[in-house]
């Protein structure tokens, strides 16, 4: 059984049949499994998320500690980056934070918004009960792997790292007149510094055991598709691939 990553489960979770987009993703998963390669999308948005994750976790931890009712609760509260990758027969994933309160286990997944408008959109969408589908399935996968009772999407508004801002400024002011270049640079810098604005918004994602069963079914369905159309088709038709 080829395992699928929680962060990309949404690619195979919709529709009675797999879409072309889903099939392309399944082919990526198969190639990654067979050759040990990774298909990754990189951008300044994802780079910011990776760089600022530790600071965001610390900020959320401080916020949650402030909500503890007693000094004992504050001192015993453990909230730190999880480094362990979990897996079972169907999926694999590395939740950002796993923590306990009493007998209950929780997952927090940290999302560092690139701009304040991105953050505001995420907040507004959640208030409309419109949880991002990709993140919904990611959270269900994490809860499946860890046995957590609830998960939270935690949207954090962090200042963009200086080197990313400088890179954007450099591209934006290329061949511009000095006065115009200064205005452009000031605007980009202001767009990525957030001062005293609200910076944390947590969205609860309730565990759904029916959807967790659906994850198992869809991963098995994807493996069946691989067996039928990738492995077996090549064997039956004796397709030859020549290196150029």
Protein backbone atom coordinates (compact mmCIF):
# COMPACT_ATOMS: atom_id res chain seq x y z
CA UNK A 1 0.00 0.00 0.00
CA UNK A 2 1.43 3.37 -1.05
CA UNK A 3 0.81 5.95 1.69
CA UNK A 4 -0.47 9.46 0.99
CA UNK A 5 0.59 12.64 2.81
CA UNK A 6 -2.03 14.35 4.99
CA UNK A 7 -1.15 17.77 3.57
CA UNK A 8 -2.32 16.71 0.09
CA UNK A 9 -5.21 14.35 0.89
CA UNK A 10 -7.76 16.78 -0.52
CA UNK A 11 -6.46 15.93 -4.01
CA UNK A 12 -8.14 12.53 -3.85
CA UNK A 13 -11.11 13.16 -1.53
CA UNK A 14 -13.74 14.72 -3.81
CA UNK A 15 -16.00 13.26 -6.48
CA UNK A 16 -17.26 9.74 -7.09
CA UNK A 17 -14.40 9.21 -9.54
CA UNK A 18 -10.91 10.67 -9.62
CA UNK A 19 -10.56 13.89 -11.60
CA UNK A 20 -7.62 14.45 -13.94
CA UNK A 21 -6.07 16.64 -11.24
CA UNK A 22 -6.37 13.77 -8.77
CA UNK A 23 -4.86 11.31 -11.25
CA UNK A 24 -1.90 13.61 -11.89
CA UNK A 25 -1.33 13.83 -8.15
CA UNK A 26 -1.56 10.05 -7.78
CA UNK A 27 1.10 9.72 -10.49
CA UNK A 28 3.33 12.10 -8.49
CA UNK A 29 2.81 10.00 -5.36
CA UNK A 30 3.69 6.83 -7.27
CA UNK A 31 6.82 8.35 -8.79
CA UNK A 32 7.87 9.70 -5.39
CA UNK A 33 7.41 6.26 -3.87
CA UNK A 34 9.16 4.39 -6.68
CA UNK A 35 12.17 6.69 -7.13
CA UNK A 36 12.49 8.39 -3.75
CA UNK A 37 11.92 11.90 -5.14
CA UNK A 38 9.71 14.73 -3.85
CA UNK A 39 7.41 16.92 -5.88
CA UNK A 40 7.44 20.26 -4.07
CA UNK A 41 6.04 23.69 -4.79
CA UNK A 42 8.22 26.53 -3.59
CA UNK A 43 7.32 30.21 -3.34
CA UNK A 44 7.99 33.22 -1.14
CA UNK A 45 4.72 32.41 0.66
CA UNK A 46 5.81 28.87 1.55
CA UNK A 47 9.31 30.10 2.41
CA UNK A 48 7.85 32.59 4.88
CA UNK A 49 5.70 29.88 6.44
CA UNK A 50 8.69 27.63 7.03
CA UNK A 51 10.95 30.38 8.39
CA UNK A 52 8.37 31.93 10.71
CA UNK A 53 6.83 28.71 12.04
CA UNK A 54 8.90 28.58 15.24
CA UNK A 55 8.11 32.20 16.14
CA UNK A 56 4.44 31.63 15.38
CA UNK A 57 4.33 28.56 17.64
CA UNK A 58 5.94 30.56 20.45
CA UNK A 59 3.40 33.36 19.98
CA UNK A 60 0.46 30.92 20.11
CA UNK A 61 1.95 29.17 23.16
CA UNK A 62 2.12 32.47 25.04
CA UNK A 63 -1.48 33.22 24.11
CA UNK A 64 -2.70 29.83 25.33
CA UNK A 65 -0.72 30.07 28.57
CA UNK A 66 -2.45 33.37 29.31
CA UNK A 67 -5.78 31.54 29.06
CA UNK A 68 -4.79 28.96 31.70
CA UNK A 69 -6.82 29.35 34.88
CA UNK A 70 -4.18 28.54 37.50
CA UNK A 71 -0.43 28.93 37.95
CA UNK A 72 -0.10 25.14 38.05
CA UNK A 73 -1.81 24.85 34.66
CA UNK A 74 0.48 27.51 33.21
CA UNK A 75 3.63 25.79 34.47
CA UNK A 76 2.58 22.34 33.28
CA UNK A 77 1.30 23.41 29.86
CA UNK A 78 3.50 21.91 27.11
CA UNK A 79 3.15 23.37 23.64
CA UNK A 80 6.10 22.87 21.29
CA UNK A 81 6.99 21.94 17.74
CA UNK A 82 6.40 18.28 16.92
CA UNK A 83 9.26 16.69 14.98
CA UNK A 84 7.82 13.16 14.75
CA UNK A 85 6.31 11.86 11.51
CA UNK A 86 3.34 9.57 12.11
CA UNK A 87 2.10 6.92 9.72
CA UNK A 88 -0.30 4.03 9.44
CA UNK A 89 -1.34 1.72 6.62
CA UNK A 90 -2.88 4.53 4.58
CA UNK A 91 -1.32 7.92 5.32
CA UNK A 92 1.67 9.76 6.73
CA UNK A 93 2.02 13.19 8.28
CA UNK A 94 3.85 15.49 10.69
CA UNK A 95 1.46 17.67 12.72
CA UNK A 96 2.95 21.00 13.82
CA UNK A 97 1.93 20.77 17.50
CA UNK A 98 0.43 17.93 19.55
CA UNK A 99 -0.64 18.73 23.10
CA UNK A 100 -2.93 17.51 25.87
CA UNK A 101 -5.39 19.13 28.22
CA UNK A 102 -6.63 16.67 30.82
CA UNK A 103 -7.53 13.41 29.08
CA UNK A 104 -7.98 15.06 25.68
CA UNK A 105 -5.39 15.31 22.92
CA UNK A 106 -5.31 18.18 20.42
CA UNK A 107 -3.57 19.07 17.17
CA UNK A 108 -2.63 22.62 16.17
CA UNK A 109 -1.50 23.29 12.62
CA UNK A 110 0.17 26.65 12.12
CA UNK A 111 -0.53 28.69 8.98
CA UNK A 112 1.53 31.88 8.54
CA UNK A 113 -0.42 34.23 6.29
CA UNK A 114 1.66 36.12 3.75
CA UNK A 115 -0.19 39.44 4.01
CA UNK A 116 -2.83 40.84 6.32
CA UNK A 117 -5.44 40.57 3.56
CA UNK A 118 -4.70 36.83 3.36
CA UNK A 119 -5.11 36.58 7.13
CA UNK A 120 -8.37 38.55 7.10
CA UNK A 121 -9.75 36.35 4.32
CA UNK A 122 -8.97 33.21 6.33
CA UNK A 123 -10.68 34.68 9.40
CA UNK A 124 -13.74 35.82 7.46
CA UNK A 125 -14.06 32.48 5.67
CA UNK A 126 -13.92 30.59 8.95
CA UNK A 127 -16.65 32.78 10.40
CA UNK A 128 -18.79 31.75 7.43
CA UNK A 129 -18.15 28.11 8.45
CA UNK A 130 -16.16 27.66 5.29
CA UNK A 131 -13.10 25.69 6.37
CA UNK A 132 -10.49 25.39 3.64
CA UNK A 133 -11.04 21.92 2.13
CA UNK A 134 -7.32 21.14 1.86
CA UNK A 135 -6.80 21.94 5.52
CA UNK A 136 -9.95 20.08 6.60
CA UNK A 137 -8.72 16.79 5.17
CA UNK A 138 -5.21 17.46 6.45
CA UNK A 139 -6.60 17.83 9.99
CA UNK A 140 -8.74 14.69 9.71
CA UNK A 141 -5.62 12.82 8.62
CA UNK A 142 -3.63 14.12 11.57
CA UNK A 143 -6.39 13.15 13.99
CA UNK A 144 -6.54 9.71 12.40
CA UNK A 145 -2.79 9.26 12.93
CA UNK A 146 -2.55 10.58 16.48
CA UNK A 147 -5.92 9.74 18.00
CA UNK A 148 -6.52 13.44 18.74
CA UNK A 149 -10.06 14.49 19.65
CA UNK A 150 -9.92 17.94 18.03
CA UNK A 151 -7.66 19.91 15.73
CA UNK A 152 -7.21 23.62 15.23
CA UNK A 153 -6.14 25.60 12.21
CA UNK A 154 -4.16 28.48 13.64
CA UNK A 155 -3.74 31.42 11.28
CA UNK A 156 -0.86 33.62 12.40
CA UNK A 157 0.07 37.07 11.13
CA UNK A 158 3.86 37.31 11.31
CA UNK A 159 6.15 39.98 9.88
CA UNK A 160 7.67 38.78 6.62
CA UNK A 161 11.41 37.99 6.89
CA UNK A 162 13.60 40.89 5.84
CA UNK A 163 15.39 39.07 3.03
CA UNK A 164 12.08 38.17 1.36
CA UNK A 165 10.92 41.79 1.58
CA UNK A 166 14.22 43.03 0.16
CA UNK A 167 13.94 40.58 -2.73
CA UNK A 168 10.42 41.79 -3.56
CA UNK A 169 11.54 45.42 -3.34
CA UNK A 170 14.52 44.77 -5.60
CA UNK A 171 12.32 43.26 -8.30
CA UNK A 172 9.62 45.93 -7.98
CA UNK A 173 11.95 48.96 -8.27
CA UNK A 174 14.08 47.67 -11.13
CA UNK A 175 14.46 50.44 -13.73
CA UNK A 176 12.23 52.81 -11.72
CA UNK A 177 13.05 56.47 -11.07
CA UNK A 178 14.44 57.11 -7.55
CA UNK A 179 11.35 58.91 -6.19
CA UNK A 180 8.98 56.27 -7.53
CA UNK A 181 11.27 53.47 -6.34
CA UNK A 182 11.25 54.90 -2.81
CA UNK A 183 7.45 55.01 -2.70
CA UNK A 184 7.22 51.43 -3.98
CA UNK A 185 9.76 50.20 -1.43
CA UNK A 186 7.97 51.94 1.46
CA UNK A 187 4.65 50.42 0.44
CA UNK A 188 6.02 46.87 0.20
CA UNK A 189 7.72 47.23 3.59
CA UNK A 190 4.49 48.52 5.16
CA UNK A 191 2.54 45.63 3.63
CA UNK A 192 4.72 43.15 5.51
CA UNK A 193 5.02 44.75 8.96
CA UNK A 194 1.98 44.30 11.18
CA UNK A 195 2.68 46.14 14.43
CA UNK A 196 -0.07 45.77 17.03
CA UNK A 197 -2.74 44.24 14.82
CA UNK A 198 -4.47 41.06 15.99
CA UNK A 199 -2.27 38.18 14.89
CA UNK A 200 -3.86 34.86 15.91
CA UNK A 201 -7.09 33.23 14.82
CA UNK A 202 -7.87 29.62 15.81
CA UNK A 203 -10.44 27.53 13.96
CA UNK A 204 -11.69 24.29 15.49
CA UNK A 205 -11.91 21.24 13.24
CA UNK A 206 -13.95 18.52 14.91
CA UNK A 207 -12.92 14.91 14.44
CA UNK A 208 -15.20 13.13 11.97
CA UNK A 209 -14.84 9.35 12.10
CA UNK A 210 -16.97 8.87 8.97
CA UNK A 211 -14.61 11.07 6.99
CA UNK A 212 -11.63 9.26 8.49
CA UNK A 213 -13.09 6.02 7.14
CA UNK A 214 -13.51 7.77 3.80
CA UNK A 215 -9.78 8.59 3.81
CA UNK A 216 -9.01 4.89 4.09
CA UNK A 217 -11.38 4.09 1.23
CA UNK A 218 -9.97 6.78 -1.08
CA UNK A 219 -6.34 5.83 -0.43
CA UNK A 220 -7.21 2.19 -1.19
CA UNK A 221 -9.06 3.36 -4.30
CA UNK A 222 -5.96 5.33 -5.39
CA UNK A 223 -3.79 2.27 -4.89
CA UNK A 224 -6.22 0.20 -6.96
CA UNK A 225 -5.98 2.84 -9.72
CA UNK A 226 -2.17 2.61 -9.58
CA UNK A 227 -2.31 -1.19 -9.81
CA UNK A 228 -4.68 -1.11 -12.76
CA UNK A 229 -3.40 1.77 -14.84
CA UNK A 230 0.27 2.16 -13.94
CA UNK A 231 1.70 -1.14 -12.80
CA UNK A 232 -0.51 -3.65 -14.65
CA UNK A 233 -1.04 -1.71 -17.86
CA UNK A 234 2.70 -1.49 -18.45
CA UNK A 235 3.09 -5.20 -17.75
CA UNK A 236 0.18 -6.33 -19.94
CA UNK A 237 1.03 -4.14 -22.93
CA UNK A 238 4.78 -4.55 -22.55
CA UNK A 239 5.35 -0.81 -22.97
CA UNK A 240 8.97 0.06 -23.60
CA UNK A 241 10.44 3.39 -22.53
CA UNK A 242 13.63 4.55 -24.21
CA UNK A 243 15.97 7.10 -22.68
CA UNK A 244 16.90 9.88 -25.07
